[in-house]
Protein backbone atom coordinates (compact mmCIF):
# COMPACT_ATOMS: atom_id res chain seq x y z
CA MET A 1 89.92 136.20 17.03
CA LYS A 2 90.80 137.79 20.77
CA ILE A 3 88.31 140.59 21.16
CA LEU A 4 88.93 142.94 24.40
CA HIS A 5 85.92 145.29 25.04
CA LEU A 6 86.69 148.27 27.21
CA SER A 7 83.90 149.92 28.88
CA SER A 8 83.33 152.49 31.85
CA VAL A 9 80.97 150.07 33.50
CA TYR A 10 79.91 146.27 33.01
CA ALA A 11 77.33 143.91 34.51
CA PRO A 12 76.09 143.17 36.92
CA GLN A 13 76.46 147.09 37.34
CA ARG A 14 74.56 149.33 35.28
CA ILE A 15 74.26 153.09 34.91
CA GLY A 16 72.69 153.39 31.59
CA GLY A 17 71.85 151.37 28.47
CA ALA A 18 75.56 151.03 27.10
CA GLU A 19 76.24 148.51 29.73
CA LYS A 20 73.50 146.26 28.50
CA VAL A 21 74.67 146.75 25.01
CA VAL A 22 78.20 145.69 25.58
CA GLU A 23 77.26 142.76 27.54
CA MET A 24 74.86 141.19 24.78
CA LEU A 25 77.59 142.03 22.11
CA ALA A 26 80.65 140.29 24.10
CA GLU A 27 78.44 137.22 25.04
CA HIS A 28 77.22 136.95 21.30
CA SER A 29 80.78 137.36 19.85
CA ALA A 30 81.68 134.51 22.22
CA ALA A 31 78.97 132.50 20.73
CA LEU A 32 80.65 133.05 17.14
CA GLY A 33 83.68 131.28 18.46
CA HIS A 34 85.91 134.28 19.53
CA GLU A 35 88.11 134.53 22.64
CA VAL A 36 86.18 137.65 24.38
CA ALA A 37 87.12 139.58 27.25
CA VAL A 38 85.80 142.64 29.15
CA ALA A 39 88.06 145.32 31.13
CA HIS A 40 85.64 147.65 32.77
CA ILE A 41 86.11 150.34 35.62
CA ALA A 42 84.85 148.81 39.09
CA PRO A 43 84.00 150.64 42.55
CA GLU A 44 86.00 148.01 44.43
CA PRO A 45 88.57 145.93 43.58
CA ALA A 46 87.42 142.46 42.37
CA PRO A 47 89.23 139.27 40.83
CA PRO A 48 88.93 138.20 37.15
CA HIS A 49 86.25 135.98 36.55
CA GLN A 50 83.87 134.52 33.76
CA ARG A 51 80.40 135.56 33.11
CA HIS A 52 78.38 134.06 30.53
CA GLY A 53 81.31 132.53 28.63
CA VAL A 54 83.03 135.98 28.75
CA ALA A 55 86.38 136.79 30.63
CA VAL A 56 85.81 139.81 32.88
CA HIS A 57 88.58 141.92 34.41
CA PRO A 58 87.53 144.61 36.58
CA LEU A 59 89.82 147.54 36.99
CA ARG A 60 89.50 149.58 40.01
CA HIS A 61 88.49 153.03 39.51
CA ARG A 62 91.39 155.55 40.16
CA ASN A 63 89.19 158.63 39.75
CA PRO A 64 88.11 160.91 42.85
CA LEU A 65 84.47 159.89 42.40
CA TRP A 66 83.10 156.51 41.24
CA ILE A 67 80.51 157.33 38.30
CA GLY A 68 77.45 156.20 40.36
CA ASP A 69 78.27 158.64 43.13
CA SER A 70 78.68 161.63 40.91
CA GLY A 71 75.11 162.49 40.82
CA ARG A 72 75.32 163.11 44.75
CA HIS A 73 78.55 165.54 44.35
CA PRO A 74 77.54 167.96 41.57
CA LEU A 75 80.34 170.47 42.73
CA LEU A 76 83.14 167.92 42.16
CA ARG A 77 81.75 166.53 38.97
CA GLN A 78 83.77 168.78 36.53
CA ALA A 79 87.04 168.38 38.86
CA ASN A 80 86.22 164.60 38.45
CA LYS A 81 85.91 164.85 34.94
CA VAL A 82 89.36 166.59 34.56
CA ALA A 83 90.95 164.13 37.03
CA THR A 84 89.59 161.38 34.70
CA LEU A 85 91.01 162.80 31.29
CA PHE A 86 94.70 162.58 32.66
CA ASN A 87 94.48 159.54 34.91
CA VAL A 88 97.56 158.00 34.14
CA PHE A 89 97.08 155.37 36.71
CA THR A 90 94.08 153.77 34.99
CA THR A 91 95.94 154.16 31.86
CA ALA A 92 98.89 151.84 33.41
CA ASP A 93 96.25 149.39 34.80
CA PHE A 94 94.73 148.84 31.11
CA ALA A 95 98.48 148.77 29.49
CA ARG A 96 99.49 145.70 31.91
CA LEU A 97 96.13 143.96 31.14
CA LEU A 98 96.83 144.42 27.26
CA ARG A 99 100.26 142.65 27.94
CA GLU A 100 98.78 139.94 29.92
CA LEU A 101 95.71 139.15 27.44
CA ARG A 102 97.27 140.19 23.94
CA PRO A 103 94.31 140.85 22.29
CA ASP A 104 93.71 141.28 18.54
CA VAL A 105 91.25 143.95 18.70
CA VAL A 106 90.24 146.62 21.53
CA HIS A 107 86.86 147.76 21.39
CA SER A 108 86.09 150.94 23.42
CA HIS A 109 82.73 151.78 24.54
CA SER A 110 81.53 154.95 26.50
CA MET A 111 84.60 156.95 27.89
CA VAL A 112 82.82 158.57 30.51
CA GLU A 113 85.13 156.71 33.13
CA LEU A 114 88.15 156.35 31.00
CA PRO A 115 91.30 158.43 29.83
CA PRO A 116 91.73 158.72 25.97
CA TRP A 117 95.20 157.53 26.46
CA VAL A 118 94.03 153.86 26.39
CA TRP A 119 93.72 154.23 22.43
CA GLN A 120 97.33 155.17 22.25
CA VAL A 121 98.16 152.45 24.41
CA ALA A 122 96.21 149.92 22.67
CA ALA A 123 97.72 151.13 19.10
CA SER A 124 101.36 150.93 20.63
CA GLN A 125 101.06 147.22 21.48
CA GLY A 126 99.73 146.27 17.86
CA CYS A 127 96.00 146.17 18.51
CA ALA A 128 93.29 147.18 16.12
CA VAL A 129 90.91 149.73 17.86
CA VAL A 130 87.37 150.18 17.27
CA HIS A 131 85.35 152.55 19.17
CA THR A 132 81.49 152.85 19.53
CA LEU A 133 79.78 155.90 20.08
CA HIS A 134 76.91 155.27 22.85
CA ASP A 135 76.90 158.91 23.73
CA TYR A 136 78.60 162.54 23.64
CA ASP A 137 81.34 162.12 26.03
CA LEU A 138 83.92 162.87 23.22
CA LEU A 139 82.05 166.41 22.87
CA CYS A 140 80.47 167.23 26.19
CA ILE A 141 81.35 167.07 29.81
CA ARG A 142 77.72 165.92 30.81
CA SER A 143 77.95 163.52 27.66
CA SER A 144 74.35 164.75 26.67
CA LEU A 145 75.02 168.16 24.79
CA PHE A 146 71.93 169.24 26.96
CA LYS A 147 71.96 171.83 29.60
CA ASP A 148 69.27 173.70 31.88
CA GLY A 149 66.49 172.59 29.41
CA ALA A 150 68.19 173.43 25.95
CA HIS A 151 70.68 171.98 23.57
CA CYS A 152 74.03 173.42 23.82
CA VAL A 153 74.62 174.97 20.64
CA PRO A 154 77.11 176.09 20.27
CA ARG A 155 79.18 174.21 22.81
CA HIS A 156 80.35 175.62 26.07
CA THR A 157 84.02 176.74 26.41
CA ALA A 158 84.73 174.29 28.94
CA CYS A 159 83.21 171.38 26.82
CA ARG A 160 85.28 172.28 23.81
CA MET A 161 88.44 172.48 25.91
CA PHE A 162 87.54 168.99 27.30
CA SER A 163 86.90 167.55 23.91
CA ARG A 164 90.17 168.97 22.32
CA VAL A 165 92.06 167.19 24.78
CA LYS A 166 90.06 163.97 24.43
CA LEU A 167 90.59 163.86 20.63
CA THR A 168 94.11 164.26 20.81
CA GLN A 169 94.21 160.59 20.98
CA HIS A 170 91.47 159.54 18.56
CA GLY A 171 93.55 159.24 15.67
CA HIS A 172 94.53 155.74 17.13
CA ILE A 173 90.90 154.66 16.35
CA HIS A 174 90.77 152.50 13.19
CA GLN A 175 87.36 151.98 12.87
CA VAL A 176 84.20 154.02 14.38
CA VAL A 177 80.74 153.03 14.93
CA GLY A 178 77.59 154.98 15.72
CA VAL A 179 74.78 153.47 17.41
CA SER A 180 72.64 155.56 14.95
CA GLN A 181 73.31 157.89 12.06
CA ALA A 182 72.42 161.04 13.97
CA ILE A 183 75.27 160.32 16.70
CA LEU A 184 77.69 159.53 13.83
CA ASP A 185 76.82 162.58 11.97
CA ARG A 186 76.74 164.85 15.05
CA HIS A 187 80.50 163.88 15.85
CA LEU A 188 81.72 164.16 12.03
CA GLN A 189 79.93 167.77 12.10
CA ASP A 190 82.35 168.89 15.05
CA GLY A 191 85.48 167.27 13.11
CA CYS A 192 85.56 164.09 14.87
CA PHE A 193 86.84 160.98 12.90
CA ALA A 194 87.87 163.12 10.15
CA GLN A 195 91.04 161.21 9.69
CA LEU A 196 88.96 158.05 8.75
CA PRO A 197 87.82 157.07 5.25
CA GLU A 198 83.92 156.90 4.80
CA ALA A 199 84.60 153.02 4.84
CA SER A 200 85.87 153.25 8.33
CA ARG A 201 82.67 154.84 9.73
CA HIS A 202 79.66 152.63 10.27
CA VAL A 203 76.23 152.81 11.72
CA ILE A 204 75.11 149.79 13.66
CA TRP A 205 71.92 150.00 15.93
CA ASN A 206 72.19 148.38 19.28
CA PRO A 207 71.37 144.95 19.90
CA VAL A 208 68.12 144.19 21.98
CA MET A 209 67.09 140.98 23.50
CA PRO A 210 63.58 140.58 23.19
CA ALA A 211 62.06 139.50 26.26
CA PRO A 212 59.55 136.45 26.53
CA ALA A 213 56.23 137.49 25.32
CA ARG A 214 53.71 138.25 28.25
CA PRO A 215 49.95 138.62 28.20
CA ARG A 216 48.99 141.94 27.60
CA ALA A 217 46.40 143.84 29.71
CA GLY A 218 42.80 143.84 28.07
CA ASP A 219 41.30 146.51 26.25
CA SER A 220 38.66 147.35 28.70
CA GLY A 221 39.21 150.54 30.92
CA PRO A 222 41.26 153.83 30.25
CA ARG A 223 43.89 153.91 27.82
CA ARG A 224 47.34 153.26 29.22
CA PHE A 225 50.29 155.37 28.34
CA GLY A 226 53.52 154.98 29.78
CA PHE A 227 57.11 156.19 30.05
CA ILE A 228 60.12 154.20 30.97
CA GLY A 229 63.68 155.38 31.57
CA ARG A 230 65.77 157.80 33.41
CA LEU A 231 63.71 160.56 35.28
CA VAL A 232 65.85 163.44 34.19
CA PRO A 233 65.11 166.40 32.21
CA GLU A 234 66.59 165.55 28.87
CA LYS A 235 64.09 162.65 28.57
CA GLY A 236 61.02 165.03 27.96
CA LEU A 237 58.97 164.22 31.23
CA ALA A 238 58.02 167.86 31.50
CA THR A 239 56.62 168.01 27.84
CA LEU A 240 54.77 164.60 28.48
CA ILE A 241 53.17 165.92 31.83
CA GLU A 242 52.13 169.32 30.00
CA ALA A 243 50.44 167.23 27.15
CA CYS A 244 48.71 165.18 29.76
CA ARG A 245 47.25 168.35 31.04
CA GLN A 246 45.56 168.91 27.85
CA LEU A 247 43.91 165.82 27.65
CA PRO A 248 40.42 164.86 28.77
CA ALA A 249 39.80 164.43 32.60
CA GLU A 250 38.87 160.88 32.26
CA GLY A 251 39.40 157.78 29.86
CA TRP A 252 43.32 157.35 30.10
CA GLN A 253 46.04 156.80 32.63
CA LEU A 254 50.12 157.33 32.44
CA ARG A 255 52.38 155.05 34.22
CA ILE A 256 55.84 156.44 34.79
CA ALA A 257 58.86 153.88 35.46
CA GLY A 258 62.12 154.91 36.30
CA ARG A 259 64.50 154.96 39.55
CA LEU A 260 62.80 157.47 41.97
CA GLY A 261 65.45 159.75 43.63
CA GLU A 262 65.75 163.33 44.86
CA GLN A 263 63.33 164.27 42.06
CA GLU A 264 60.56 162.16 43.46
CA ALA A 265 58.85 165.22 45.64
CA GLU A 266 59.22 167.49 42.32
CA LEU A 267 57.70 165.03 40.26
CA ARG A 268 54.76 164.11 42.44
CA ARG A 269 53.93 167.96 42.48
CA LEU A 270 54.11 168.30 38.70
CA VAL A 271 51.57 165.33 37.97
CA GLU A 272 49.23 166.34 41.12
CA GLY A 273 45.52 166.15 40.13
CA LEU A 274 46.39 163.92 36.98
CA PRO A 275 45.68 160.06 36.56
CA VAL A 276 49.57 159.52 36.75
CA GLU A 277 51.19 156.60 38.36
CA LEU A 278 54.88 156.84 39.64
CA VAL A 279 55.86 152.83 39.83
CA GLY A 280 59.65 153.15 40.19
CA TYR A 281 62.02 150.74 38.94
CA VAL A 282 60.41 147.87 37.26
CA ASP A 283 61.06 145.03 35.02
CA PRO A 284 60.76 146.64 31.27
CA ALA A 285 58.78 143.51 29.87
CA GLU A 286 56.25 143.38 32.75
CA PHE A 287 55.74 147.24 32.39
CA LEU A 288 55.25 147.02 28.60
CA ALA A 289 52.82 144.33 28.86
CA THR A 290 50.40 146.92 30.87
CA LEU A 291 50.46 149.63 28.17
CA ASP A 292 48.52 150.34 25.12
CA THR A 293 51.14 153.02 23.99
CA LEU A 294 54.80 153.85 24.99
CA VAL A 295 55.73 157.40 24.80
CA VAL A 296 59.20 158.32 24.21
CA PRO A 297 59.30 162.33 24.49
CA SER A 298 63.19 162.78 24.45
CA VAL A 299 64.03 166.57 24.10
CA TRP A 300 67.74 165.71 23.66
CA LEU A 301 69.58 164.32 20.87
CA GLU A 302 68.90 160.74 22.02
CA PRO A 303 71.73 158.46 20.58
CA PHE A 304 69.50 155.39 20.13
CA GLY A 305 66.48 154.76 22.47
CA LEU A 306 66.39 151.11 23.63
CA THR A 307 62.94 151.30 25.13
CA THR A 308 61.60 152.07 21.65
CA VAL A 309 62.64 148.71 20.34
CA GLU A 310 61.81 146.94 23.32
CA ALA A 311 58.51 148.36 23.06
CA TYR A 312 58.00 147.17 19.34
CA ALA A 313 59.20 143.77 20.22
CA ALA A 314 56.49 143.40 22.79
CA GLY A 315 54.07 144.65 20.17
CA VAL A 316 53.26 148.20 21.87
CA PRO A 317 52.95 151.22 19.58
CA VAL A 318 55.19 154.15 20.32
CA ILE A 319 54.65 157.88 20.22
CA GLY A 320 58.21 159.48 20.13
CA ALA A 321 60.05 162.40 19.67
CA ASP A 322 61.66 163.51 16.28
CA THR A 323 65.04 163.54 17.44
CA ALA A 324 68.00 161.54 16.40
CA GLY A 325 68.18 157.93 17.23
CA VAL A 326 64.55 157.86 18.32
CA ALA A 327 63.32 159.33 15.15
CA GLU A 328 65.40 156.50 13.16
CA ILE A 329 63.79 153.83 14.85
CA VAL A 330 60.03 155.23 15.13
CA GLY A 331 60.44 156.86 11.71
CA ALA A 332 61.17 153.41 10.40
CA VAL A 333 58.21 151.78 11.67
CA ASP A 334 55.55 154.53 12.02
CA PRO A 335 56.50 157.91 10.72
CA GLY A 336 53.29 159.49 11.72
CA ALA A 337 54.01 158.63 15.35
CA LEU A 338 56.66 161.32 15.62
CA VAL A 339 56.09 164.73 17.29
CA PRO A 340 58.46 167.91 17.41
CA PRO A 341 60.61 167.31 20.57
CA GLY A 342 59.30 169.71 23.41
CA ASP A 343 56.04 170.22 21.49
CA ALA A 344 53.24 169.57 24.15
CA ALA A 345 50.41 170.29 21.70
CA ALA A 346 51.50 167.98 19.15
CA LEU A 347 52.14 165.19 21.55
CA ALA A 348 48.53 165.71 23.06
CA ALA A 349 46.95 165.75 19.73
CA LEU A 350 48.47 162.14 19.10
CA MET A 351 47.65 161.00 22.50
CA GLN A 352 44.13 162.24 22.08
CA ALA A 353 43.88 160.41 18.79
CA VAL A 354 44.49 157.24 20.64
CA LEU A 355 41.56 157.84 23.04
CA ARG A 356 39.46 158.37 20.08
CA ASP A 357 40.72 155.71 17.65
CA GLY A 358 42.55 153.15 19.61
CA PRO A 359 46.34 152.33 19.59
CA ARG A 360 48.23 153.09 16.49
CA PRO A 361 48.45 149.89 14.52
CA LEU A 362 51.93 148.76 14.03
CA PRO A 363 53.05 147.92 10.41
CA ALA A 364 54.31 144.12 10.31
CA ALA A 365 56.82 144.32 7.66
CA ALA A 366 58.33 147.54 9.16
CA ARG A 367 58.25 146.40 12.58
CA ALA A 368 59.80 143.20 11.68
CA ALA A 369 62.56 144.75 10.03
CA VAL A 370 63.48 146.90 12.97
CA LEU A 371 63.46 143.88 14.99
CA GLU A 372 65.78 141.78 12.84
CA ARG A 373 68.24 144.76 12.54
CA THR A 374 68.31 144.73 16.32
CA ARG A 375 68.63 141.08 16.92
CA PRO A 376 71.69 140.51 18.82
CA GLY A 377 73.13 137.76 16.43
CA PRO A 378 73.23 140.09 12.97
CA VAL A 379 74.45 142.57 15.54
CA ALA A 380 77.45 140.77 16.41
CA GLN A 381 78.18 139.51 12.85
CA ALA A 382 78.27 143.03 11.90
CA TYR A 383 80.76 144.00 14.44
CA ASP A 384 82.58 140.94 13.25
CA ALA A 385 83.19 142.51 9.93
CA VAL A 386 83.95 145.90 11.35
CA TYR A 387 86.76 144.03 13.23
CA ARG A 388 88.17 142.37 10.07
CA ARG A 389 88.28 145.70 8.48
CA ALA A 390 90.12 147.13 11.46
CA LEU A 391 92.66 144.23 11.50
CA ALA A 392 92.91 144.47 7.72
CA GLN A 393 93.83 148.15 7.84
CA LEU A 394 96.28 147.71 10.51
CA ARG A 395 98.13 145.20 8.32
CA ARG A 396 98.11 147.55 5.42
CA ALA A 397 99.56 150.54 7.58
CA PRO A 398 103.27 149.10 7.86
CA GLN A 399 103.22 148.35 4.14
CA GLU A 400 102.18 151.73 3.08
CA LEU A 401 104.75 153.36 5.32
CA ALA A 402 107.25 151.03 3.48
CA ARG A 403 106.08 152.26 0.15
CA PRO A 404 109.02 155.08 -1.50
CA ALA A 405 107.29 158.58 -1.86
């Protein structure tokens, strides 16, 4: 089978977790014997090349802003989104690549940098089209359904208009996959993929590559809580810091890992007087090895929660917000470790229990089941079954059209 992944970004460039997922999926699909390629938007022209058994085809970005620069130009972000939506140049570049590669399956991922017309182009060239929902880009200009500290309910007018244009082309998709039940349900709630039968809608958790086991820090000294991720409001850092102010003055530490940018000064102000360390960008495995408990306090509809699985793989218990994908993962291992999103008092109570009783035990069977469900090999096999369904659906379509009424 010839599979072409289409992603806004691809390794070695990374903006979020989706790129890591696409990389693992592409490489493990190649290991199953498929001919796998990836097309992605790149900030500069670059030739096709091979990376770990996958043919990589960079497409130079044709939008006013490169995705990595959008944070520095907030006033241009919406204009850039509109330009991306109607970018006929990117669509034409992709069409030329399709004619060259002639894949059986086109598997699209986050559409942040991509126009929706690529689906129509792929279908018109006889490809089966599969799409994975990694974020809320089809519903929201910010891809998060979260703004000014709150969920966007109802969605803003601009987002509804933006979404309506994107969804004019989603009828060309043969199979859709959500990285959690929550993200799939949220799209169905807004009328997305209503044209697809239930058998063509799937939930496949993201693959997670467990890091080599590292020696854990000893039990002596203060309890070590940790946060790792993007240092943005929707990740719930404000809730976590508020919870920390309700803890005893001694006997604990909080380590916050993530790229420090313009928000560093404000973050340092928020944690002033607390035993909190801002460690910047670090290797996740090394960071997790220093913790007693990882805290995932997201206040948005977190689609999956990659660090949650990485923590379980490292043997680190998790306290998580009872929201979307985080709730699905933590709830499958330790439902008692879930707290209402944004509830600092409830979070502080669970953290105080760790100070009093020690880290929460990890149920071995439940932890093993989550790790098995997210192993890259089985995830690639699950997608393989989806590809075959899409191809079978594509073959059936002409026959059904030919049937007399």
